[in-house]
PDB file of N, CA and C in Angstrom:
ATOM      1  N   UNK A   1       9.880  30.269  12.025  1.00  0.00           N
ATOM      2  CA  UNK A   1       8.963  29.138  10.822  1.00  0.00           C
ATOM      3  C   UNK A   1       9.863  27.621  10.998  1.00  0.00           C
ATOM      4  N   UNK A   2       9.476  26.666  11.325  1.00  0.00           N
ATOM      5  CA  UNK A   2       9.644  25.153  11.840  1.00  0.00           C
ATOM      6  C   UNK A   2      10.552  24.551  10.811  1.00  0.00           C
ATOM      7  N   UNK A   3      11.729  23.999  10.605  1.00  0.00           N
ATOM      8  CA  UNK A   3      12.527  23.335   9.927  1.00  0.00           C
ATOM      9  C   UNK A   3      11.464  22.344   8.919  1.00  0.00           C
ATOM     10  N   UNK A   4      11.815  22.001   7.984  1.00  0.00           N
ATOM     11  CA  UNK A   4      11.223  20.882   6.858  1.00  0.00           C
ATOM     12  C   UNK A   4      11.113  19.953   7.638  1.00  0.00           C
ATOM     13  N   UNK A   5      12.193  19.300   8.521  1.00  0.00           N
ATOM     14  CA  UNK A   5      11.573  18.136   9.037  1.00  0.00           C
ATOM     15  C   UNK A   5      10.643  18.036  10.409  1.00  0.00           C
ATOM     16  N   UNK A   6      11.109  19.178  10.736  1.00  0.00           N
ATOM     17  CA  UNK A   6      10.119  19.284  12.401  1.00  0.00           C
ATOM     18  C   UNK A   6       8.639  19.728  12.105  1.00  0.00           C
ATOM     19  N   UNK A   7       8.449  19.957  10.829  1.00  0.00           N
ATOM     20  CA  UNK A   7       6.993  19.754  10.329  1.00  0.00           C
ATOM     21  C   UNK A   7       6.183  18.643  10.893  1.00  0.00           C
ATOM     22  N   UNK A   8       4.784  18.869  10.891  1.00  0.00           N
ATOM     23  CA  UNK A   8       3.922  17.733  10.621  1.00  0.00           C
ATOM     24  C   UNK A   8       4.135  17.109   9.088  1.00  0.00           C
ATOM     25  N   UNK A   9       3.872  16.146   8.807  1.00  0.00           N
ATOM     26  CA  UNK A   9       3.910  15.032   7.660  1.00  0.00           C
ATOM     27  C   UNK A   9       2.453  14.948   7.293  1.00  0.00           C
ATOM     28  N   UNK A  10       2.190  15.381   6.038  1.00  0.00           N
ATOM     29  CA  UNK A  10       0.899  14.484   5.863  1.00  0.00           C
ATOM     30  C   UNK A  10       0.660  13.525   5.213  1.00  0.00           C
ATOM     31  N   UNK A  11      -0.218  12.609   5.714  1.00  0.00           N
ATOM     32  CA  UNK A  11      -0.266  11.251   5.420  1.00  0.00           C
ATOM     33  C   UNK A  11      -1.496  10.861   5.030  1.00  0.00           C
ATOM     34  N   UNK A  12      -2.076  10.088   3.921  1.00  0.00           N
ATOM     35  CA  UNK A  12      -3.181   9.756   3.502  1.00  0.00           C
ATOM     36  C   UNK A  12      -3.566   8.629   3.352  1.00  0.00           C
ATOM     37  N   UNK A  13      -4.342   7.917   4.464  1.00  0.00           N
ATOM     38  CA  UNK A  13      -4.787   6.520   4.462  1.00  0.00           C
ATOM     39  C   UNK A  13      -5.506   5.960   2.993  1.00  0.00           C
ATOM     40  N   UNK A  14      -5.774   4.908   2.653  1.00  0.00           N
ATOM     41  CA  UNK A  14      -5.786   4.499   1.598  1.00  0.00           C
ATOM     42  C   UNK A  14      -6.587   3.202   2.117  1.00  0.00           C
ATOM     43  N   UNK A  15      -7.799   2.501   2.338  1.00  0.00           N
ATOM     44  CA  UNK A  15      -8.064   1.409   2.789  1.00  0.00           C
ATOM     45  C   UNK A  15      -7.914   0.403   2.069  1.00  0.00           C
ATOM     46  N   UNK A  16      -7.689   0.451   0.742  1.00  0.00           N
ATOM     47  CA  UNK A  16      -7.347  -0.518  -0.102  1.00  0.00           C
ATOM     48  C   UNK A  16      -6.130  -0.193  -0.864  1.00  0.00           C
ATOM     49  N   UNK A  17      -5.328   0.543  -0.102  1.00  0.00           N
ATOM     50  CA  UNK A  17      -3.975   0.260  -0.995  1.00  0.00           C
ATOM     51  C   UNK A  17      -2.837   0.812   0.184  1.00  0.00           C
ATOM     52  N   UNK A  18      -1.994   1.721  -0.162  1.00  0.00           N
ATOM     53  CA  UNK A  18      -0.309   2.192  -0.045  1.00  0.00           C
ATOM     54  C   UNK A  18      -1.061   3.479   1.265  1.00  0.00           C
ATOM     55  N   UNK A  19      -0.144   3.378   1.777  1.00  0.00           N
ATOM     56  CA  UNK A  19       0.004   4.854   3.128  1.00  0.00           C
ATOM     57  C   UNK A  19       0.475   5.325   2.167  1.00  0.00           C
ATOM     58  N   UNK A  20       0.531   7.200   1.999  1.00  0.00           N
ATOM     59  CA  UNK A  20       0.951   8.327   0.901  1.00  0.00           C
ATOM     60  C   UNK A  20       1.171   9.330   1.788  1.00  0.00           C
ATOM     61  N   UNK A  21       2.680   9.415   1.688  1.00  0.00           N
ATOM     62  CA  UNK A  21       3.602  10.025   3.064  1.00  0.00           C
ATOM     63  C   UNK A  21       4.226  11.276   1.825  1.00  0.00           C
ATOM     64  N   UNK A  22       3.714  12.229   2.617  1.00  0.00           N
ATOM     65  CA  UNK A  22       4.613  13.370   2.405  1.00  0.00           C
ATOM     66  C   UNK A  22       5.946  13.081   2.315  1.00  0.00           C
ATOM     67  N   UNK A  23       6.826  13.431   1.448  1.00  0.00           N
ATOM     68  CA  UNK A  23       8.348  13.020   1.097  1.00  0.00           C
ATOM     69  C   UNK A  23       8.938  14.557   2.007  1.00  0.00           C
ATOM     70  N   UNK A  24      10.368  14.311   1.881  1.00  0.00           N
ATOM     71  CA  UNK A  24      10.998  13.064   1.969  1.00  0.00           C
ATOM     72  C   UNK A  24      11.140  11.806   3.276  1.00  0.00           C
ATOM     73  N   UNK A  25      10.978  10.686   3.083  1.00  0.00           N
ATOM     74  CA  UNK A  25      11.001  10.467   4.102  1.00  0.00           C
ATOM     75  C   UNK A  25      11.811   9.090   4.923  1.00  0.00           C
ATOM     76  N   UNK A  26      12.055   8.637   5.861  1.00  0.00           N
ATOM     77  CA  UNK A  26      12.881   7.523   6.341  1.00  0.00           C
ATOM     78  C   UNK A  26      12.250   6.502   7.039  1.00  0.00           C
ATOM     79  N   UNK A  27      12.018   5.380   6.094  1.00  0.00           N
ATOM     80  CA  UNK A  27      11.269   3.978   6.513  1.00  0.00           C
ATOM     81  C   UNK A  27      12.358   2.826   7.230  1.00  0.00           C
ATOM     82  N   UNK A  28      12.065   2.732   8.424  1.00  0.00           N
ATOM     83  CA  UNK A  28      12.557   1.470   9.331  1.00  0.00           C
ATOM     84  C   UNK A  28      11.847   0.677   9.086  1.00  0.00           C
ATOM     85  N   UNK A  29      12.393  -0.394   8.485  1.00  0.00           N
ATOM     86  CA  UNK A  29      11.299  -1.828   8.281  1.00  0.00           C
ATOM     87  C   UNK A  29      11.363  -2.791   9.707  1.00  0.00           C
ATOM     88  N   UNK A  30      10.587  -3.452   9.848  1.00  0.00           N
ATOM     89  CA  UNK A  30      10.903  -5.037  10.922  1.00  0.00           C
ATOM     90  C   UNK A  30      12.251  -5.203  11.099  1.00  0.00           C
ATOM     91  N   UNK A  31      13.058  -5.526  10.474  1.00  0.00           N
ATOM     92  CA  UNK A  31      14.226  -6.222  10.975  1.00  0.00           C
ATOM     93  C   UNK A  31      15.556  -5.019  11.040  1.00  0.00           C
ATOM     94  N   UNK A  32      15.186  -3.888  10.844  1.00  0.00           N
ATOM     95  CA  UNK A  32      15.787  -2.589  11.312  1.00  0.00           C
ATOM     96  C   UNK A  32      16.544  -2.256  10.355  1.00  0.00           C
ATOM     97  N   UNK A  33      16.543  -2.496   8.669  1.00  0.00           N
ATOM     98  CA  UNK A  33      16.632  -1.713   7.734  1.00  0.00           C
ATOM     99  C   UNK A  33      15.745  -0.325   7.108  1.00  0.00           C
ATOM    100  N   UNK A  34      16.499   0.224   7.059  1.00  0.00           N
ATOM    101  CA  UNK A  34      16.320   1.902   6.898  1.00  0.00           C
ATOM    102  C   UNK A  34      16.086   2.195   4.916  1.00  0.00           C
ATOM    103  N   UNK A  35      15.244   2.936   4.979  1.00  0.00           N
ATOM    104  CA  UNK A  35      15.322   3.322   3.517  1.00  0.00           C
ATOM    105  C   UNK A  35      14.700   4.374   3.401  1.00  0.00           C
ATOM    106  N   UNK A  36      15.249   4.872   2.295  1.00  0.00           N
ATOM    107  CA  UNK A  36      14.842   6.809   2.260  1.00  0.00           C
ATOM    108  C   UNK A  36      14.825   7.048   1.244  1.00  0.00           C
ATOM    109  N   UNK A  37      13.630   7.701   0.934  1.00  0.00           N
ATOM    110  CA  UNK A  37      13.439   8.426  -0.538  1.00  0.00           C
ATOM    111  C   UNK A  37      13.182   9.878  -0.248  1.00  0.00           C
ATOM    112  N   UNK A  38      14.083  10.393  -1.549  1.00  0.00           N
ATOM    113  CA  UNK A  38      14.033  12.440  -1.400  1.00  0.00           C
ATOM    114  C   UNK A  38      12.394  12.790  -2.304  1.00  0.00           C
ATOM    115  N   UNK A  39      11.580  11.717  -2.679  1.00  0.00           N
ATOM    116  CA  UNK A  39      10.129  12.180  -3.300  1.00  0.00           C
ATOM    117  C   UNK A  39       9.542  12.891  -2.563  1.00  0.00           C
ATOM    118  N   UNK A  40       8.823  13.912  -3.163  1.00  0.00           N
ATOM    119  CA  UNK A  40       8.042  14.877  -2.662  1.00  0.00           C
ATOM    120  C   UNK A  40       6.753  13.858  -1.842  1.00  0.00           C
ATOM    121  N   UNK A  41       6.040  12.819  -2.904  1.00  0.00           N
ATOM    122  CA  UNK A  41       5.355  11.899  -2.166  1.00  0.00           C
ATOM    123  C   UNK A  41       5.693  10.554  -2.216  1.00  0.00           C
ATOM    124  N   UNK A  42       5.546   9.569  -1.575  1.00  0.00           N
ATOM    125  CA  UNK A  42       5.544   8.335  -1.720  1.00  0.00           C
ATOM    126  C   UNK A  42       4.555   7.168  -1.056  1.00  0.00           C
ATOM    127  N   UNK A  43       4.680   6.013  -2.148  1.00  0.00           N
ATOM    128  CA  UNK A  43       3.197   5.437  -1.372  1.00  0.00           C
ATOM    129  C   UNK A  43       4.246   3.794  -0.476  1.00  0.00           C
ATOM    130  N   UNK A  44       4.031   3.616   0.420  1.00  0.00           N
ATOM    131  CA  UNK A  44       4.588   2.919   1.614  1.00  0.00           C
ATOM    132  C   UNK A  44       3.113   1.512   1.899  1.00  0.00           C
ATOM    133  N   UNK A  45       3.965   0.412   0.941  1.00  0.00           N
ATOM    134  CA  UNK A  45       3.349  -0.607   1.246  1.00  0.00           C
ATOM    135  C   UNK A  45       2.179  -1.110   2.758  1.00  0.00           C
ATOM    136  N   UNK A  46       1.311  -1.319   2.393  1.00  0.00           N
ATOM    137  CA  UNK A  46       0.696  -1.943   3.836  1.00  0.00           C
ATOM    138  C   UNK A  46       0.157  -3.288   3.454  1.00  0.00           C
ATOM    139  N   UNK A  47       0.083  -3.624   2.426  1.00  0.00           N
ATOM    140  CA  UNK A  47      -0.251  -5.098   2.033  1.00  0.00           C
ATOM    141  C   UNK A  47       0.817  -6.163   2.291  1.00  0.00           C
ATOM    142  N   UNK A  48       2.186  -5.956   1.951  1.00  0.00           N
ATOM    143  CA  UNK A  48       3.302  -6.393   2.277  1.00  0.00           C
ATOM    144  C   UNK A  48       3.412  -7.206   0.664  1.00  0.00           C
ATOM    145  N   UNK A  49       3.185  -7.436  -0.183  1.00  0.00           N
ATOM    146  CA  UNK A  49       3.052  -8.135  -1.234  1.00  0.00           C
ATOM    147  C   UNK A  49       4.094  -7.306  -2.484  1.00  0.00           C
ATOM    148  N   UNK A  50       4.319  -5.978  -1.967  1.00  0.00           N
ATOM    149  CA  UNK A  50       5.234  -5.721  -3.304  1.00  0.00           C
ATOM    150  C   UNK A  50       6.527  -6.201  -3.088  1.00  0.00           C
ATOM    151  N   UNK A  51       7.051  -6.133  -4.587  1.00  0.00           N
ATOM    152  CA  UNK A  51       8.480  -6.828  -4.519  1.00  0.00           C
ATOM    153  C   UNK A  51       9.415  -5.962  -4.340  1.00  0.00           C
ATOM    154  N   UNK A  52       9.104  -4.705  -3.843  1.00  0.00           N
ATOM    155  CA  UNK A  52       9.751  -3.550  -3.889  1.00  0.00           C
ATOM    156  C   UNK A  52       9.753  -2.584  -2.419  1.00  0.00           C
ATOM    157  N   UNK A  53       8.922  -3.592  -1.401  1.00  0.00           N
ATOM    158  CA  UNK A  53       8.822  -3.381   0.065  1.00  0.00           C
ATOM    159  C   UNK A  53       9.967  -2.839   0.452  1.00  0.00           C
ATOM    160  N   UNK A  54      10.023  -1.462   1.077  1.00  0.00           N
ATOM    161  CA  UNK A  54       8.719  -1.205   1.336  1.00  0.00           C
ATOM    162  C   UNK A  54       7.590  -0.052   0.769  1.00  0.00           C
ATOM    163  N   UNK A  55       8.058  -0.065  -0.423  1.00  0.00           N
ATOM    164  CA  UNK A  55       7.522   0.989  -1.458  1.00  0.00           C
ATOM    165  C   UNK A  55       6.059   0.315  -2.372  1.00  0.00           C
ATOM    166  N   UNK A  56       5.448   0.805  -2.128  1.00  0.00           N
ATOM    167  CA  UNK A  56       4.312   0.081  -2.968  1.00  0.00           C
ATOM    168  C   UNK A  56       4.401  -0.131  -4.440  1.00  0.00           C
ATOM    169  N   UNK A  57       4.414  -1.106  -5.128  1.00  0.00           N
ATOM    170  CA  UNK A  57       4.256  -1.537  -6.399  1.00  0.00           C
ATOM    171  C   UNK A  57       2.963  -1.667  -7.112  1.00  0.00           C
ATOM    172  N   UNK A  58       2.086  -1.438  -6.345  1.00  0.00           N
ATOM    173  CA  UNK A  58       0.442  -1.929  -6.785  1.00  0.00           C
ATOM    174  C   UNK A  58       0.113  -2.906  -6.863  1.00  0.00           C
ATOM    175  N   UNK A  59       0.723  -3.692  -5.918  1.00  0.00           N
ATOM    176  CA  UNK A  59       0.416  -5.464  -6.231  1.00  0.00           C
ATOM    177  C   UNK A  59      -0.940  -5.211  -5.057  1.00  0.00           C
ATOM    178  N   UNK A  60      -1.329  -4.927  -4.385  1.00  0.00           N
ATOM    179  CA  UNK A  60      -2.829  -4.846  -3.941  1.00  0.00           C
ATOM    180  C   UNK A  60      -3.658  -5.220  -4.776  1.00  0.00           C
ATOM    181  N   UNK A  61      -3.486  -4.457  -5.876  1.00  0.00           N
ATOM    182  CA  UNK A  61      -4.835  -4.500  -6.981  1.00  0.00           C
ATOM    183  C   UNK A  61      -4.766  -6.213  -7.435  1.00  0.00           C
ATOM    184  N   UNK A  62      -3.679  -6.722  -7.695  1.00  0.00           N
ATOM    185  CA  UNK A  62      -4.287  -8.331  -8.043  1.00  0.00           C
ATOM    186  C   UNK A  62      -4.701  -9.144  -6.768  1.00  0.00           C
ATOM    187  N   UNK A  63      -5.174  -8.482  -5.717  1.00  0.00           N
ATOM    188  CA  UNK A  63      -5.638  -9.106  -4.524  1.00  0.00           C
ATOM    189  C   UNK A  63      -6.943  -9.807  -5.333  1.00  0.00           C
ATOM    190  N   UNK A  64      -7.442 -10.650  -4.887  1.00  0.00           N
ATOM    191  CA  UNK A  64      -9.237 -10.806  -5.271  1.00  0.00           C
ATOM    192  C   UNK A  64      -9.780 -10.731  -3.622  1.00  0.00           C
ATOM    193  N   UNK A  65     -10.972 -10.167  -4.156  1.00  0.00           N
ATOM    194  CA  UNK A  65     -11.949 -10.109  -3.095  1.00  0.00           C
ATOM    195  C   UNK A  65     -12.964 -10.933  -2.984  1.00  0.00           C
ATOM    196  N   UNK A  66     -13.225 -11.255  -1.786  1.00  0.00           N
ATOM    197  CA  UNK A  66     -14.282 -12.451  -1.494  1.00  0.00           C
ATOM    198  C   UNK A  66     -15.578 -11.636  -1.996  1.00  0.00           C
ATOM    199  N   UNK A  67     -16.394 -12.759  -2.460  1.00  0.00           N
ATOM    200  CA  UNK A  67     -17.262 -12.727  -2.544  1.00  0.00           C
ATOM    201  C   UNK A  67     -18.492 -12.073  -1.980  1.00  0.00           C
ATOM    202  N   UNK A  68     -19.404 -11.217  -1.939  1.00  0.00           N
ATOM    203  CA  UNK A  68     -20.448 -10.604  -1.126  1.00  0.00           C
ATOM    204  C   UNK A  68     -21.498 -10.859  -1.048  1.00  0.00           C
ATOM    205  N   UNK A  69     -21.645 -10.899  -2.254  1.00  0.00           N
ATOM    206  CA  UNK A  69     -23.316 -11.595  -2.723  1.00  0.00           C
ATOM    207  C   UNK A  69     -23.551 -13.226  -2.218  1.00  0.00           C
ATOM    208  N   UNK A  70     -24.929 -13.615  -1.520  1.00  0.00           N
ATOM    209  CA  UNK A  70     -25.056 -15.155  -0.839  1.00  0.00           C
ATOM    210  C   UNK A  70     -25.289 -16.034  -2.561  1.00  0.00           C
ATOM    211  N   UNK A  71     -25.355 -15.194  -3.473  1.00  0.00           N
ATOM    212  CA  UNK A  71     -26.260 -16.482  -4.636  1.00  0.00           C
ATOM    213  C   UNK A  71     -24.724 -17.190  -4.903  1.00  0.00           C
ATOM    214  N   UNK A  72     -25.189 -18.366  -5.199  1.00  0.00           N
ATOM    215  CA  UNK A  72     -24.535 -19.674  -5.623  1.00  0.00           C
ATOM    216  C   UNK A  72     -23.494 -19.056  -7.435  1.00  0.00           C
ATOM    217  N   UNK A  73     -22.489 -19.230  -7.288  1.00  0.00           N
ATOM    218  CA  UNK A  73     -21.916 -19.303  -8.361  1.00  0.00           C
ATOM    219  C   UNK A  73     -22.504 -19.752  -9.913  1.00  0.00           C
ATOM    220  N   UNK A  74     -22.193 -18.884 -10.805  1.00  0.00           N
ATOM    221  CA  UNK A  74     -22.814 -19.235 -12.241  1.00  0.00           C
ATOM    222  C   UNK A  74     -22.374 -20.479 -12.453  1.00  0.00           C
ATOM    223  N   UNK A  75     -23.478 -21.254 -13.061  1.00  0.00           N
ATOM    224  CA  UNK A  75     -23.511 -22.571 -13.305  1.00  0.00           C
ATOM    225  C   UNK A  75     -22.680 -22.680 -14.927  1.00  0.00           C
ATOM    226  N   UNK A  76     -21.764 -23.378 -15.008  1.00  0.00           N
ATOM    227  CA  UNK A  76     -21.163 -23.630 -16.548  1.00  0.00           C
ATOM    228  C   UNK A  76     -21.942 -24.548 -17.443  1.00  0.00           C
ATOM    229  N   UNK A  77     -21.754 -23.984 -19.057  1.00  0.00           N
ATOM    230  CA  UNK A  77     -22.273 -24.995 -19.626  1.00  0.00           C
ATOM    231  C   UNK A  77     -22.057 -26.406 -19.665  1.00  0.00           C
ATOM    232  N   UNK A  78     -20.724 -26.868 -19.450  1.00  0.00           N
ATOM    233  CA  UNK A  78     -20.580 -27.943 -19.412  1.00  0.00           C
ATOM    234  C   UNK A  78     -21.355 -28.638 -18.492  1.00  0.00           C
ATOM    235  N   UNK A  79     -21.843 -28.575 -17.581  1.00  0.00           N
ATOM    236  CA  UNK A  79     -22.557 -29.318 -16.662  1.00  0.00           C
ATOM    237  C   UNK A  79     -23.925 -29.829 -17.286  1.00  0.00           C
ATOM    238  N   UNK A  80     -24.453 -30.939 -17.517  1.00  0.00           N
ATOM    239  CA  UNK A  80     -25.297 -31.450 -18.201  1.00  0.00           C
ATOM    240  C   UNK A  80     -25.922 -32.855 -17.222  1.00  0.00           C
TER     241      UNK A  80
END
């Protein structure tokens, strides 16, 4: 049986959120800083808005999505 560190990790990609990675994990960011988590699953930030980067803090939920309908914005009552 392979050692725990040698077996494949399960990674779930959420297109509007973080990468969910089966732990424990060791994450090396752009500047070479190493982050370690012993949790059974970790959420790794992909939007880079997290105040706790590289761990997700759900900052991606505050992102406003562009309007996809082509209707003009609703008129306000103050326009006369």
